[in-house]
Amino acid sequence: MSLKEFFRAELDFLKKMVGISQRLTLTYLVFV
């Protein structure tokens, strides 16, 4: 696995985590 591929995978993972946390925050705000 090259370094570029590794960073691309890490970026995809971070984007997913940010998307999930944003969704959780929105859900929390809606219900509170």
C-alpha atoms as a PDB file:
ATOM      1  CA  MET A   1       0.000   0.000   0.000  1.00  0.00           C
ATOM      2  CA  SER A   2       1.495   3.311  -1.043  1.00  0.00           C
ATOM      3  CA  LEU A   3       1.468   6.390   1.152  1.00  0.00           C
ATOM      4  CA  LYS A   4      -0.950   8.180  -1.172  1.00  0.00           C
ATOM      5  CA  GLU A   5      -3.453   5.329  -0.983  1.00  0.00           C
ATOM      6  CA  PHE A   6      -3.109   5.264   2.791  1.00  0.00           C
ATOM      7  CA  PHE A   7      -3.858   8.978   3.114  1.00  0.00           C
ATOM      8  CA  ARG A   8      -6.803   8.686   0.734  1.00  0.00           C
ATOM      9  CA  ALA A   9      -8.262   5.882   2.852  1.00  0.00           C
ATOM     10  CA  GLU A  10      -7.715   7.941   6.006  1.00  0.00           C
ATOM     11  CA  LEU A  11      -9.461  10.944   4.441  1.00  0.00           C
ATOM     12  CA  ASP A  12     -12.446   8.832   3.425  1.00  0.00           C
ATOM     13  CA  PHE A  13     -12.635   7.450   6.957  1.00  0.00           C
ATOM     14  CA  LEU A  14     -12.470  10.931   8.504  1.00  0.00           C
ATOM     15  CA  LYS A  15     -15.177  12.201   6.158  1.00  0.00           C
ATOM     16  CA  LYS A  16     -17.424   9.326   7.228  1.00  0.00           C
ATOM     17  CA  MET A  17     -16.779  10.003  10.914  1.00  0.00           C
ATOM     18  CA  VAL A  18     -17.502  13.721  10.480  1.00  0.00           C
ATOM     19  CA  GLY A  19     -20.692  12.924   8.567  1.00  0.00           C
ATOM     20  CA  ILE A  20     -21.852  10.559  11.315  1.00  0.00           C
ATOM     21  CA  SER A  21     -21.079  13.030  14.113  1.00  0.00           C
ATOM     22  CA  GLN A  22     -22.874  15.820  12.243  1.00  0.00           C
ATOM     23  CA  ARG A  23     -25.924  13.598  11.830  1.00  0.00           C
ATOM     24  CA  LEU A  24     -25.857  12.693  15.520  1.00  0.00           C
ATOM     25  CA  THR A  25     -25.574  16.357  16.500  1.00  0.00           C
ATOM     26  CA  LEU A  26     -28.484  17.326  14.245  1.00  0.00           C
ATOM     27  CA  THR A  27     -30.602  14.492  15.627  1.00  0.00           C
ATOM     28  CA  TYR A  28     -29.717  15.550  19.172  1.00  0.00           C
ATOM     29  CA  LEU A  29     -30.645  19.187  18.466  1.00  0.00           C
ATOM     30  CA  VAL A  30     -33.948  18.155  16.902  1.00  0.00           C
ATOM     31  CA  PHE A  31     -34.962  16.018  19.871  1.00  0.00           C
ATOM     32  CA  VAL A  32     -33.789  18.467  22.549  1.00  0.00           C
END
